[in-house]
């Protein structure tokens, strides 16, 4: 069987396709920030960062980097016309008050019922700080996860039950990986897309939970 995993940029491109016109979107620290570079410029989409930014654009070129214009992950960003700065507390009010349409987060594990673990693995050298992910997981109207399907050591990241500390309970709506797109519906995992050349049965073997083939 021959198949090609999606690169991290290709996963970001795939997620960007599903973000609709007019959406208020928070892109989590790390991999999800790549999505900003692939959003349709003809769509009006409002990117939010929990440190107090709304209306971010794609990453700047090196000569355009402004040390006072960064996202929550301390990465340089651009601000589109009409973008705004505001207090950290106001930003969290947006998140907790249900004003974010979509948040896209990375993850260590996602369970088949939508439980999310993305802040701590228990490793001695890890930073035990949940940040704003917990607020986004419960406050955003839709929670998307963007990650590799398996760990670097070949263990599944989609599991029947999370073994890492939870960020949110039954909060994930959709999972984008380098192998597939999976919707979480009624505590079950519905596969809607698989990369070319990979069979559903092979995907199942790389997943630590039961899957339902929902491809049209």
N, C-alpha and C. Protein backbone atom coordinates (compact mmCIF):
# COMPACT_ATOMS: atom_id res chain seq x y z
N UNK A 1 0.85 -1.19 0.00
CA UNK A 1 0.00 0.00 0.00
C UNK A 1 0.88 1.24 0.00
N UNK A 2 0.64 2.13 -0.94
CA UNK A 2 1.42 3.36 -1.04
C UNK A 2 0.54 4.56 -0.76
N UNK A 3 0.94 5.34 0.21
CA UNK A 3 0.21 6.56 0.52
C UNK A 3 1.20 7.60 1.02
N UNK A 4 0.79 8.85 0.95
CA UNK A 4 1.65 9.94 1.38
C UNK A 4 0.94 10.72 2.48
N UNK A 5 1.58 10.79 3.65
CA UNK A 5 1.02 11.60 4.72
C UNK A 5 1.02 13.08 4.31
N UNK A 6 0.07 13.82 4.85
CA UNK A 6 0.07 15.25 4.64
C UNK A 6 1.17 15.89 5.48
N UNK A 7 1.81 16.91 4.95
CA UNK A 7 2.77 17.68 5.73
C UNK A 7 1.99 18.57 6.70
N UNK A 8 2.69 19.19 7.61
CA UNK A 8 2.01 20.09 8.56
C UNK A 8 1.36 21.26 7.81
N UNK A 9 2.02 21.76 6.79
CA UNK A 9 1.42 22.85 6.02
C UNK A 9 0.20 22.38 5.25
N UNK A 10 0.23 21.15 4.76
CA UNK A 10 -0.93 20.62 4.04
C UNK A 10 -2.12 20.40 4.98
N UNK A 11 -1.85 19.99 6.22
CA UNK A 11 -2.95 19.88 7.19
C UNK A 11 -3.55 21.25 7.43
N UNK A 12 -2.70 22.27 7.57
CA UNK A 12 -3.18 23.63 7.77
C UNK A 12 -4.03 24.10 6.59
N UNK A 13 -3.59 23.78 5.37
CA UNK A 13 -4.37 24.13 4.18
C UNK A 13 -5.74 23.47 4.22
N UNK A 14 -5.77 22.22 4.64
CA UNK A 14 -7.04 21.49 4.67
C UNK A 14 -7.99 22.10 5.69
N UNK A 15 -7.49 22.46 6.87
CA UNK A 15 -8.35 23.08 7.87
C UNK A 15 -8.88 24.42 7.35
N UNK A 16 -8.02 25.19 6.71
CA UNK A 16 -8.40 26.52 6.22
C UNK A 16 -9.60 26.47 5.29
N UNK A 17 -9.71 25.41 4.51
CA UNK A 17 -10.83 25.26 3.56
C UNK A 17 -12.17 25.26 4.30
N UNK A 18 -12.21 24.73 5.51
CA UNK A 18 -13.46 24.56 6.25
C UNK A 18 -13.84 25.77 7.10
N UNK A 19 -13.03 26.81 7.11
CA UNK A 19 -13.36 27.99 7.92
C UNK A 19 -14.20 28.94 7.09
N UNK A 20 -15.43 29.21 7.50
CA UNK A 20 -16.37 29.96 6.66
C UNK A 20 -16.22 31.47 6.77
N UNK A 21 -16.79 32.14 5.82
CA UNK A 21 -16.87 33.60 5.80
C UNK A 21 -17.50 34.11 7.09
N UNK A 22 -16.90 35.15 7.66
CA UNK A 22 -17.47 35.79 8.83
C UNK A 22 -17.17 35.14 10.16
N UNK A 23 -16.39 34.06 10.17
CA UNK A 23 -16.13 33.33 11.41
C UNK A 23 -15.11 34.06 12.29
N UNK A 24 -15.34 33.98 13.59
CA UNK A 24 -14.36 34.45 14.57
C UNK A 24 -13.61 33.22 15.06
N UNK A 25 -12.29 33.20 14.85
CA UNK A 25 -11.52 31.97 14.97
C UNK A 25 -10.29 32.20 15.85
N UNK A 26 -10.07 31.30 16.79
CA UNK A 26 -8.84 31.30 17.58
C UNK A 26 -7.96 30.15 17.12
N UNK A 27 -6.72 30.46 16.77
CA UNK A 27 -5.76 29.45 16.36
C UNK A 27 -4.81 29.20 17.51
N UNK A 28 -4.82 27.97 18.02
CA UNK A 28 -4.02 27.64 19.19
C UNK A 28 -2.52 27.72 18.93
N UNK A 29 -1.76 27.73 20.02
CA UNK A 29 -0.31 27.83 19.95
C UNK A 29 0.27 26.63 19.20
N UNK A 30 1.30 26.89 18.41
CA UNK A 30 1.98 25.82 17.69
C UNK A 30 1.43 25.60 16.30
N UNK A 31 1.21 24.35 15.98
CA UNK A 31 0.80 23.96 14.63
C UNK A 31 -0.41 24.72 14.08
N UNK A 32 -1.47 24.94 14.85
CA UNK A 32 -2.64 25.64 14.28
C UNK A 32 -2.36 27.05 13.75
N UNK A 33 -1.32 27.71 14.23
CA UNK A 33 -1.06 29.07 13.74
C UNK A 33 -0.73 29.09 12.25
N UNK A 34 -0.31 27.96 11.70
CA UNK A 34 -0.01 27.89 10.27
C UNK A 34 -1.25 28.15 9.41
N UNK A 35 -2.42 27.92 9.96
CA UNK A 35 -3.67 28.08 9.20
C UNK A 35 -3.81 29.50 8.67
N UNK A 36 -3.32 30.47 9.42
CA UNK A 36 -3.45 31.88 9.03
C UNK A 36 -2.84 32.14 7.65
N UNK A 37 -1.84 31.36 7.28
CA UNK A 37 -1.16 31.57 6.00
C UNK A 37 -1.94 31.02 4.82
N UNK A 38 -3.01 30.27 5.08
CA UNK A 38 -3.73 29.59 3.99
C UNK A 38 -5.21 29.97 3.92
N UNK A 39 -5.64 30.93 4.70
CA UNK A 39 -7.03 31.35 4.62
C UNK A 39 -7.28 32.09 3.31
N UNK A 40 -8.47 31.90 2.77
CA UNK A 40 -8.86 32.55 1.52
C UNK A 40 -8.90 34.06 1.74
N UNK A 41 -8.07 34.83 1.01
CA UNK A 41 -8.05 36.28 1.21
C UNK A 41 -9.36 36.96 0.80
N UNK A 42 -10.19 36.25 0.05
CA UNK A 42 -11.48 36.81 -0.36
C UNK A 42 -12.57 36.60 0.68
N UNK A 43 -12.27 35.84 1.72
CA UNK A 43 -13.21 35.64 2.83
C UNK A 43 -12.84 36.58 3.97
N UNK A 44 -13.85 37.18 4.59
CA UNK A 44 -13.60 37.99 5.78
C UNK A 44 -13.68 37.08 7.00
N UNK A 45 -12.50 36.77 7.55
CA UNK A 45 -12.39 35.87 8.70
C UNK A 45 -11.61 36.61 9.78
N UNK A 46 -12.11 36.57 11.01
CA UNK A 46 -11.54 37.35 12.10
C UNK A 46 -10.73 36.43 13.02
N UNK A 47 -9.41 36.54 12.96
CA UNK A 47 -8.55 35.71 13.79
C UNK A 47 -8.30 36.38 15.14
N UNK A 48 -8.50 35.60 16.19
CA UNK A 48 -8.41 36.08 17.57
C UNK A 48 -7.23 35.41 18.27
N UNK A 49 -6.54 36.19 19.11
CA UNK A 49 -5.48 35.63 19.95
C UNK A 49 -5.76 36.02 21.39
N UNK A 50 -5.57 35.07 22.31
CA UNK A 50 -6.01 35.29 23.69
C UNK A 50 -5.21 36.37 24.42
N UNK A 51 -4.07 36.79 23.88
CA UNK A 51 -3.34 37.88 24.52
C UNK A 51 -3.90 39.25 24.14
N UNK A 52 -4.99 39.29 23.35
CA UNK A 52 -5.69 40.54 23.10
C UNK A 52 -5.57 41.09 21.70
N UNK A 53 -5.73 40.24 20.71
CA UNK A 53 -5.70 40.68 19.31
C UNK A 53 -6.92 40.13 18.58
N UNK A 54 -7.46 40.92 17.67
CA UNK A 54 -8.53 40.47 16.79
C UNK A 54 -8.30 41.09 15.41
N UNK A 55 -8.31 40.24 14.39
CA UNK A 55 -8.10 40.72 13.03
C UNK A 55 -6.68 40.49 12.54
N UNK A 56 -6.08 39.37 12.94
CA UNK A 56 -4.72 39.05 12.49
C UNK A 56 -4.71 38.55 11.06
N UNK A 57 -3.59 38.75 10.40
CA UNK A 57 -3.38 38.25 9.05
C UNK A 57 -2.33 37.16 9.03
N UNK A 58 -1.76 36.87 7.87
CA UNK A 58 -0.72 35.85 7.77
C UNK A 58 0.57 36.28 8.46
N UNK A 59 1.47 35.34 8.63
CA UNK A 59 2.77 35.65 9.26
C UNK A 59 3.52 36.68 8.42
N UNK A 60 4.24 37.60 9.07
CA UNK A 60 4.97 38.62 8.33
C UNK A 60 6.27 38.08 7.75
N UNK A 61 6.79 38.76 6.73
CA UNK A 61 8.13 38.44 6.26
C UNK A 61 9.13 38.92 7.31
N UNK A 62 10.35 38.46 7.23
CA UNK A 62 11.33 38.76 8.27
C UNK A 62 11.55 40.26 8.44
N UNK A 63 11.50 41.01 7.35
CA UNK A 63 11.75 42.44 7.45
C UNK A 63 10.53 43.24 7.91
N UNK A 64 9.39 42.56 8.10
CA UNK A 64 8.18 43.22 8.57
C UNK A 64 7.83 42.86 10.02
N UNK A 65 8.67 42.09 10.66
CA UNK A 65 8.37 41.65 12.02
C UNK A 65 8.40 42.82 13.01
N UNK A 66 7.35 42.90 13.81
CA UNK A 66 7.21 43.95 14.81
C UNK A 66 7.20 43.30 16.20
N UNK A 67 8.18 43.60 17.05
CA UNK A 67 8.25 42.95 18.37
C UNK A 67 7.06 43.25 19.26
N UNK A 68 6.26 44.24 18.92
CA UNK A 68 5.07 44.56 19.71
C UNK A 68 3.80 43.95 19.12
N UNK A 69 3.97 43.15 18.06
CA UNK A 69 2.81 42.54 17.41
C UNK A 69 3.04 41.03 17.36
N UNK A 70 2.62 40.35 18.42
CA UNK A 70 2.83 38.90 18.54
C UNK A 70 1.54 38.24 19.02
N UNK A 71 1.44 36.94 18.74
CA UNK A 71 0.28 36.19 19.21
C UNK A 71 0.57 35.55 20.57
N UNK A 72 -0.34 34.72 21.03
CA UNK A 72 -0.20 34.12 22.36
C UNK A 72 0.99 33.17 22.44
N UNK A 73 1.46 32.68 21.30
CA UNK A 73 2.63 31.81 21.27
C UNK A 73 3.93 32.56 21.07
N UNK A 74 3.87 33.90 21.19
CA UNK A 74 5.03 34.78 21.03
C UNK A 74 5.61 34.72 19.61
N UNK A 75 4.74 34.44 18.63
CA UNK A 75 5.13 34.46 17.23
C UNK A 75 4.73 35.79 16.62
N UNK A 76 5.54 36.28 15.69
CA UNK A 76 5.21 37.52 15.00
C UNK A 76 3.98 37.32 14.12
N UNK A 77 3.09 38.31 14.12
CA UNK A 77 1.88 38.27 13.30
C UNK A 77 1.71 39.61 12.59
N UNK A 78 0.77 39.65 11.68
CA UNK A 78 0.37 40.90 11.05
C UNK A 78 -1.04 41.24 11.51
N UNK A 79 -1.41 42.49 11.35
CA UNK A 79 -2.76 42.93 11.71
C UNK A 79 -3.41 43.52 10.47
N UNK A 80 -4.57 42.99 10.12
CA UNK A 80 -5.29 43.47 8.94
C UNK A 80 -5.97 44.81 9.23
N UNK A 81 -6.36 45.49 8.18
CA UNK A 81 -7.07 46.76 8.34
C UNK A 81 -8.34 46.53 9.16
N UNK A 82 -8.52 47.35 10.18
CA UNK A 82 -9.67 47.18 11.07
C UNK A 82 -9.38 46.30 12.27
N UNK A 83 -8.18 45.69 12.32
CA UNK A 83 -7.82 44.86 13.46
C UNK A 83 -7.68 45.68 14.73
N UNK A 84 -7.71 45.02 15.88
CA UNK A 84 -7.70 45.76 17.14
C UNK A 84 -6.90 45.05 18.23
N UNK A 85 -6.47 45.87 19.21
CA UNK A 85 -5.81 45.38 20.42
C UNK A 85 -6.75 45.63 21.59
N UNK A 86 -6.74 44.77 22.59
CA UNK A 86 -7.56 44.99 23.77
C UNK A 86 -6.99 44.22 24.94
N UNK A 87 -7.57 44.46 26.11
CA UNK A 87 -7.05 43.90 27.35
C UNK A 87 -7.18 42.37 27.37
N UNK A 88 -6.21 41.75 28.00
CA UNK A 88 -6.20 40.30 28.19
C UNK A 88 -7.52 39.80 28.80
N UNK A 89 -8.03 40.54 29.78
CA UNK A 89 -9.29 40.13 30.41
C UNK A 89 -10.46 40.17 29.45
N UNK A 90 -10.50 41.17 28.58
CA UNK A 90 -11.56 41.24 27.58
C UNK A 90 -11.46 40.07 26.60
N UNK A 91 -10.22 39.69 26.28
CA UNK A 91 -10.01 38.58 25.37
C UNK A 91 -10.57 37.28 25.94
N UNK A 92 -10.33 37.06 27.22
CA UNK A 92 -10.86 35.84 27.85
C UNK A 92 -12.38 35.91 28.02
N UNK A 93 -12.91 37.11 28.15
CA UNK A 93 -14.37 37.26 28.19
C UNK A 93 -14.97 36.83 26.86
N UNK A 94 -14.31 37.16 25.76
CA UNK A 94 -14.77 36.69 24.45
C UNK A 94 -14.77 35.18 24.39
N UNK A 95 -13.69 34.56 24.89
CA UNK A 95 -13.56 33.10 24.83
C UNK A 95 -14.58 32.40 25.71
N UNK A 96 -14.71 32.88 26.94
CA UNK A 96 -15.60 32.22 27.90
C UNK A 96 -17.06 32.54 27.64
N UNK A 97 -17.32 33.64 26.93
CA UNK A 97 -18.69 34.06 26.69
C UNK A 97 -19.32 33.50 25.43
N UNK A 98 -18.63 32.58 24.76
CA UNK A 98 -19.21 31.94 23.58
C UNK A 98 -19.16 32.78 22.32
N UNK A 99 -18.20 33.70 22.23
CA UNK A 99 -18.12 34.59 21.08
C UNK A 99 -17.13 34.11 20.01
N UNK A 100 -16.46 32.99 20.26
CA UNK A 100 -15.53 32.42 19.28
C UNK A 100 -16.25 31.29 18.55
N UNK A 101 -16.34 31.40 17.23
CA UNK A 101 -17.06 30.39 16.44
C UNK A 101 -16.28 29.08 16.35
N UNK A 102 -14.97 29.20 16.13
CA UNK A 102 -14.12 28.02 15.95
C UNK A 102 -12.80 28.25 16.65
N UNK A 103 -12.34 27.27 17.40
CA UNK A 103 -10.95 27.29 17.84
C UNK A 103 -10.29 26.03 17.29
N UNK A 104 -9.03 26.17 16.90
CA UNK A 104 -8.27 25.04 16.39
C UNK A 104 -7.09 24.82 17.33
N UNK A 105 -7.02 23.65 17.92
CA UNK A 105 -6.01 23.34 18.93
C UNK A 105 -5.18 22.14 18.51
N UNK A 106 -3.96 22.10 18.98
CA UNK A 106 -3.16 20.89 18.87
C UNK A 106 -3.57 19.94 19.99
N UNK A 107 -3.06 18.70 19.94
CA UNK A 107 -3.44 17.75 20.99
C UNK A 107 -2.39 16.66 21.14
N UNK A 108 -2.30 16.14 22.37
CA UNK A 108 -1.53 14.93 22.63
C UNK A 108 -2.42 13.71 22.42
N UNK A 109 -3.69 13.84 22.82
CA UNK A 109 -4.66 12.76 22.66
C UNK A 109 -6.06 13.35 22.47
N UNK A 110 -6.88 12.64 21.70
CA UNK A 110 -8.31 12.90 21.61
C UNK A 110 -9.02 11.56 21.78
N UNK A 111 -10.03 11.52 22.65
CA UNK A 111 -10.78 10.29 22.87
C UNK A 111 -11.98 10.22 21.94
N UNK A 112 -12.53 9.03 21.79
CA UNK A 112 -13.64 8.83 20.85
C UNK A 112 -14.90 9.59 21.26
N UNK A 113 -15.00 9.99 22.53
CA UNK A 113 -16.15 10.78 22.96
C UNK A 113 -15.89 12.28 22.87
N UNK A 114 -14.72 12.68 22.35
CA UNK A 114 -14.40 14.08 22.19
C UNK A 114 -13.61 14.69 23.33
N UNK A 115 -13.20 13.89 24.31
CA UNK A 115 -12.32 14.40 25.36
C UNK A 115 -11.01 14.86 24.74
N UNK A 116 -10.45 15.94 25.27
CA UNK A 116 -9.22 16.52 24.74
C UNK A 116 -8.14 16.57 25.83
N UNK A 117 -6.94 16.12 25.47
CA UNK A 117 -5.76 16.25 26.34
C UNK A 117 -4.66 16.91 25.52
N UNK A 118 -4.35 18.16 25.87
CA UNK A 118 -3.36 18.85 25.04
C UNK A 118 -2.40 19.74 25.83
N UNK A 119 -2.33 19.57 27.16
CA UNK A 119 -1.50 20.51 27.92
C UNK A 119 -0.39 19.86 28.72
N UNK A 120 -0.46 18.57 29.00
CA UNK A 120 0.53 17.97 29.89
C UNK A 120 0.59 16.46 29.65
N UNK A 121 1.80 15.93 29.54
CA UNK A 121 1.97 14.49 29.35
C UNK A 121 2.50 13.80 30.60
N UNK A 122 2.84 14.58 31.61
CA UNK A 122 3.41 14.01 32.81
C UNK A 122 4.92 13.88 32.75
N UNK A 123 5.51 14.22 31.60
CA UNK A 123 6.97 14.14 31.46
C UNK A 123 7.63 15.15 32.39
N UNK A 124 8.78 14.78 32.92
CA UNK A 124 9.46 15.62 33.91
C UNK A 124 9.87 16.97 33.35
N UNK A 125 10.17 17.02 32.05
CA UNK A 125 10.66 18.27 31.46
C UNK A 125 9.56 19.07 30.77
N UNK A 126 8.30 18.64 30.89
CA UNK A 126 7.22 19.37 30.24
C UNK A 126 6.78 20.55 31.09
N UNK A 127 6.15 21.52 30.44
CA UNK A 127 5.69 22.71 31.14
C UNK A 127 4.22 22.53 31.52
N UNK A 128 3.90 22.34 32.79
CA UNK A 128 2.50 22.09 33.19
C UNK A 128 1.70 23.37 33.27
N UNK A 129 1.36 23.91 32.11
CA UNK A 129 0.59 25.15 32.06
C UNK A 129 -0.48 25.03 30.99
N UNK A 130 -1.73 25.02 31.39
CA UNK A 130 -2.82 24.80 30.44
C UNK A 130 -3.09 26.03 29.60
N UNK A 131 -2.72 27.22 30.09
CA UNK A 131 -2.95 28.44 29.32
C UNK A 131 -4.43 28.67 29.05
N UNK A 132 -4.74 29.18 27.86
CA UNK A 132 -6.13 29.46 27.52
C UNK A 132 -6.86 28.30 26.88
N UNK A 133 -6.18 27.16 26.70
CA UNK A 133 -6.81 26.04 25.99
C UNK A 133 -8.07 25.54 26.70
N UNK A 134 -8.05 25.54 28.02
CA UNK A 134 -9.20 25.07 28.78
C UNK A 134 -10.41 25.98 28.55
N UNK A 135 -10.16 27.30 28.51
CA UNK A 135 -11.24 28.25 28.27
C UNK A 135 -11.79 28.10 26.86
N UNK A 136 -10.91 27.89 25.89
CA UNK A 136 -11.34 27.71 24.50
C UNK A 136 -12.12 26.41 24.33
N UNK A 137 -11.66 25.35 24.99
CA UNK A 137 -12.30 24.05 24.84
C UNK A 137 -13.76 24.07 25.26
N UNK A 138 -14.07 24.87 26.27
CA UNK A 138 -15.46 24.92 26.75
C UNK A 138 -16.22 26.13 26.24
N UNK A 139 -15.51 27.16 25.74
CA UNK A 139 -16.16 28.39 25.35
C UNK A 139 -16.43 28.54 23.87
N UNK A 140 -15.59 27.92 23.02
CA UNK A 140 -15.77 28.05 21.58
C UNK A 140 -16.97 27.22 21.12
N UNK A 141 -17.65 27.71 20.09
CA UNK A 141 -18.82 26.99 19.58
C UNK A 141 -18.42 25.69 18.89
N UNK A 142 -17.25 25.68 18.26
CA UNK A 142 -16.74 24.47 17.61
C UNK A 142 -15.27 24.33 17.93
N UNK A 143 -14.87 23.12 18.33
CA UNK A 143 -13.47 22.85 18.66
C UNK A 143 -12.91 21.86 17.65
N UNK A 144 -11.92 22.32 16.89
CA UNK A 144 -11.24 21.46 15.93
C UNK A 144 -9.85 21.14 16.47
N UNK A 145 -9.40 19.92 16.25
CA UNK A 145 -8.05 19.52 16.63
C UNK A 145 -7.25 19.25 15.37
N UNK A 146 -6.01 19.69 15.37
CA UNK A 146 -5.10 19.54 14.23
C UNK A 146 -3.82 18.90 14.76
N UNK A 147 -3.49 17.71 14.26
CA UNK A 147 -2.33 17.00 14.81
C UNK A 147 -1.91 15.86 13.88
N UNK A 148 -0.73 15.28 14.15
CA UNK A 148 -0.35 14.05 13.48
C UNK A 148 -1.22 12.90 14.04
N UNK A 149 -1.46 11.90 13.21
CA UNK A 149 -2.33 10.80 13.61
C UNK A 149 -1.68 9.93 14.69
N UNK A 150 -0.33 9.84 14.66
CA UNK A 150 0.39 9.00 15.61
C UNK A 150 1.56 9.79 16.20
N UNK A 151 2.05 9.32 17.33
CA UNK A 151 3.21 9.94 17.95
C UNK A 151 4.48 9.58 17.18
N UNK A 152 5.58 10.20 17.55
CA UNK A 152 6.86 9.89 16.89
C UNK A 152 7.30 8.46 17.14
N UNK A 153 6.78 7.85 18.21
CA UNK A 153 7.14 6.46 18.52
C UNK A 153 6.09 5.47 18.02
N UNK A 154 5.12 5.97 17.22
CA UNK A 154 4.16 5.08 16.58
C UNK A 154 2.94 4.73 17.41
N UNK A 155 2.66 5.49 18.45
CA UNK A 155 1.46 5.23 19.25
C UNK A 155 0.30 6.10 18.76
N UNK A 156 -0.92 5.59 18.79
CA UNK A 156 -2.06 6.38 18.32
C UNK A 156 -2.35 7.56 19.24
N UNK A 157 -2.73 8.67 18.63
CA UNK A 157 -3.11 9.85 19.41
C UNK A 157 -4.64 9.97 19.52
N UNK A 158 -5.35 9.19 18.69
CA UNK A 158 -6.80 9.08 18.81
C UNK A 158 -7.08 7.77 19.54
N UNK A 159 -7.69 7.86 20.71
CA UNK A 159 -7.77 6.72 21.62
C UNK A 159 -9.20 6.54 22.15
N UNK A 160 -9.44 5.39 22.77
CA UNK A 160 -10.77 5.18 23.36
C UNK A 160 -10.94 6.01 24.63
N UNK A 161 -9.88 6.14 25.41
CA UNK A 161 -9.90 6.99 26.61
C UNK A 161 -8.54 7.68 26.75
N UNK A 162 -8.56 8.96 27.06
CA UNK A 162 -7.31 9.70 27.24
C UNK A 162 -6.59 9.22 28.50
N UNK A 163 -5.29 9.10 28.40
CA UNK A 163 -4.48 8.72 29.57
C UNK A 163 -3.71 9.92 30.12
N UNK A 164 -3.73 11.03 29.42
CA UNK A 164 -3.11 12.27 29.89
C UNK A 164 -4.17 13.14 30.58
N UNK A 165 -3.74 14.10 31.40
CA UNK A 165 -4.71 15.00 32.04
C UNK A 165 -5.56 15.73 31.01
N UNK A 166 -6.85 15.83 31.27
CA UNK A 166 -7.77 16.42 30.30
C UNK A 166 -7.72 17.95 30.30
N UNK A 167 -7.90 18.49 29.10
CA UNK A 167 -8.09 19.92 28.92
C UNK A 167 -9.58 20.24 28.92
N UNK A 168 -10.36 19.38 28.28
CA UNK A 168 -11.81 19.56 28.21
C UNK A 168 -12.49 18.22 28.02
N UNK A 169 -13.74 18.14 28.46
CA UNK A 169 -14.51 16.89 28.38
C UNK A 169 -15.52 16.99 27.25
N UNK A 170 -15.52 15.99 26.36
CA UNK A 170 -16.48 15.91 25.26
C UNK A 170 -16.61 17.25 24.52
N UNK A 171 -15.50 17.83 24.19
CA UNK A 171 -15.51 19.17 23.59
C UNK A 171 -15.10 19.19 22.12
N UNK A 172 -14.43 18.16 21.64
CA UNK A 172 -13.90 18.17 20.27
C UNK A 172 -14.99 17.81 19.27
N UNK A 173 -15.11 18.62 18.22
CA UNK A 173 -16.08 18.36 17.16
C UNK A 173 -15.48 17.70 15.92
N UNK A 174 -14.22 18.03 15.64
CA UNK A 174 -13.61 17.49 14.43
C UNK A 174 -12.10 17.36 14.63
N UNK A 175 -11.52 16.33 14.02
CA UNK A 175 -10.08 16.07 14.10
C UNK A 175 -9.49 16.05 12.69
N UNK A 176 -8.44 16.84 12.50
CA UNK A 176 -7.69 16.83 11.24
C UNK A 176 -6.30 16.26 11.52
N UNK A 177 -5.95 15.19 10.82
CA UNK A 177 -4.61 14.62 11.00
C UNK A 177 -3.90 14.56 9.65
N UNK A 178 -2.68 14.06 9.69
CA UNK A 178 -1.92 13.89 8.45
C UNK A 178 -2.42 12.72 7.61
N UNK A 179 -3.44 12.00 8.13
CA UNK A 179 -3.99 10.85 7.41
C UNK A 179 -5.48 10.96 7.13
N UNK A 180 -6.20 11.80 7.88
CA UNK A 180 -7.65 11.74 7.78
C UNK A 180 -8.32 12.98 8.34
N UNK A 181 -9.63 13.07 8.07
CA UNK A 181 -10.52 14.02 8.74
C UNK A 181 -11.61 13.21 9.42
N UNK A 182 -11.83 13.47 10.71
CA UNK A 182 -12.76 12.67 11.49
C UNK A 182 -13.69 13.58 12.29
N UNK A 183 -14.99 13.36 12.16
CA UNK A 183 -15.97 14.10 12.95
C UNK A 183 -16.34 13.30 14.19
N UNK A 184 -16.46 14.00 15.31
CA UNK A 184 -16.91 13.36 16.55
C UNK A 184 -18.40 13.64 16.69
N UNK A 185 -19.20 12.56 16.58
CA UNK A 185 -20.66 12.69 16.60
C UNK A 185 -21.23 11.68 17.58
N UNK A 186 -21.92 12.17 18.60
CA UNK A 186 -22.56 11.29 19.59
C UNK A 186 -21.58 10.27 20.15
N UNK A 187 -20.41 10.75 20.56
CA UNK A 187 -19.38 9.92 21.20
C UNK A 187 -18.80 8.84 20.29
N UNK A 188 -18.90 9.06 18.98
CA UNK A 188 -18.32 8.12 18.03
C UNK A 188 -17.52 8.89 16.97
N UNK A 189 -16.59 8.18 16.34
CA UNK A 189 -15.66 8.80 15.40
C UNK A 189 -16.04 8.43 13.97
N UNK A 190 -16.42 9.45 13.19
CA UNK A 190 -16.88 9.25 11.82
C UNK A 190 -15.83 9.77 10.85
N UNK A 191 -15.22 8.87 10.10
CA UNK A 191 -14.16 9.22 9.15
C UNK A 191 -14.80 9.76 7.88
N UNK A 192 -14.49 11.01 7.53
CA UNK A 192 -15.07 11.61 6.32
C UNK A 192 -14.06 11.72 5.19
N UNK A 193 -12.77 11.68 5.50
CA UNK A 193 -11.73 11.74 4.47
C UNK A 193 -10.52 10.92 4.91
N UNK A 194 -9.88 10.28 3.93
CA UNK A 194 -8.62 9.56 4.16
C UNK A 194 -7.69 9.92 3.01
N UNK A 195 -6.40 10.06 3.30
CA UNK A 195 -5.45 10.40 2.24
C UNK A 195 -5.45 9.31 1.16
N UNK A 196 -5.16 9.70 -0.06
CA UNK A 196 -5.14 8.77 -1.18
C UNK A 196 -4.16 7.63 -0.92
N UNK A 197 -4.61 6.41 -1.23
CA UNK A 197 -3.76 5.25 -1.12
C UNK A 197 -3.82 4.53 0.21
N UNK A 198 -4.49 5.12 1.21
CA UNK A 198 -4.61 4.49 2.52
C UNK A 198 -6.02 3.94 2.68
N UNK A 199 -6.13 2.68 3.03
CA UNK A 199 -7.45 2.07 3.19
C UNK A 199 -8.03 2.39 4.57
N UNK A 200 -9.33 2.25 4.68
CA UNK A 200 -10.00 2.46 5.96
C UNK A 200 -9.47 1.46 7.00
N UNK A 201 -9.26 0.23 6.57
CA UNK A 201 -8.79 -0.82 7.48
C UNK A 201 -7.39 -0.49 8.02
N UNK A 202 -6.53 0.06 7.15
CA UNK A 202 -5.19 0.43 7.60
C UNK A 202 -5.25 1.60 8.58
N UNK A 203 -6.16 2.54 8.31
CA UNK A 203 -6.32 3.67 9.22
C UNK A 203 -6.79 3.18 10.59
N UNK A 204 -7.70 2.22 10.60
CA UNK A 204 -8.19 1.66 11.86
C UNK A 204 -7.05 1.09 12.70
N UNK A 205 -6.09 0.44 12.04
CA UNK A 205 -4.98 -0.18 12.76
C UNK A 205 -4.05 0.86 13.39
N UNK A 206 -4.09 2.09 12.86
CA UNK A 206 -3.26 3.16 13.39
C UNK A 206 -4.01 4.05 14.37
N UNK A 207 -5.21 3.61 14.74
CA UNK A 207 -6.08 4.39 15.61
C UNK A 207 -6.42 3.55 16.84
N UNK A 208 -6.41 4.19 18.00
CA UNK A 208 -6.66 3.47 19.24
C UNK A 208 -8.11 3.50 19.68
N UNK A 209 -9.02 3.66 18.72
CA UNK A 209 -10.46 3.69 19.02
C UNK A 209 -11.21 3.19 17.80
N UNK A 210 -12.47 2.82 18.00
CA UNK A 210 -13.28 2.34 16.90
C UNK A 210 -13.67 3.49 15.98
N UNK A 211 -13.61 3.22 14.68
CA UNK A 211 -13.96 4.21 13.67
C UNK A 211 -15.17 3.77 12.89
N UNK A 212 -15.90 4.76 12.36
CA UNK A 212 -17.02 4.52 11.45
C UNK A 212 -16.68 5.15 10.11
N UNK A 213 -16.80 4.40 9.05
CA UNK A 213 -16.51 4.91 7.70
C UNK A 213 -17.72 5.72 7.20
N UNK A 214 -17.57 7.04 7.20
CA UNK A 214 -18.67 7.92 6.82
C UNK A 214 -18.39 8.64 5.50
N UNK A 215 -17.47 8.11 4.71
CA UNK A 215 -17.15 8.75 3.44
C UNK A 215 -18.28 8.54 2.46
N UNK A 216 -18.58 9.57 1.67
CA UNK A 216 -19.66 9.49 0.70
C UNK A 216 -19.19 8.76 -0.55
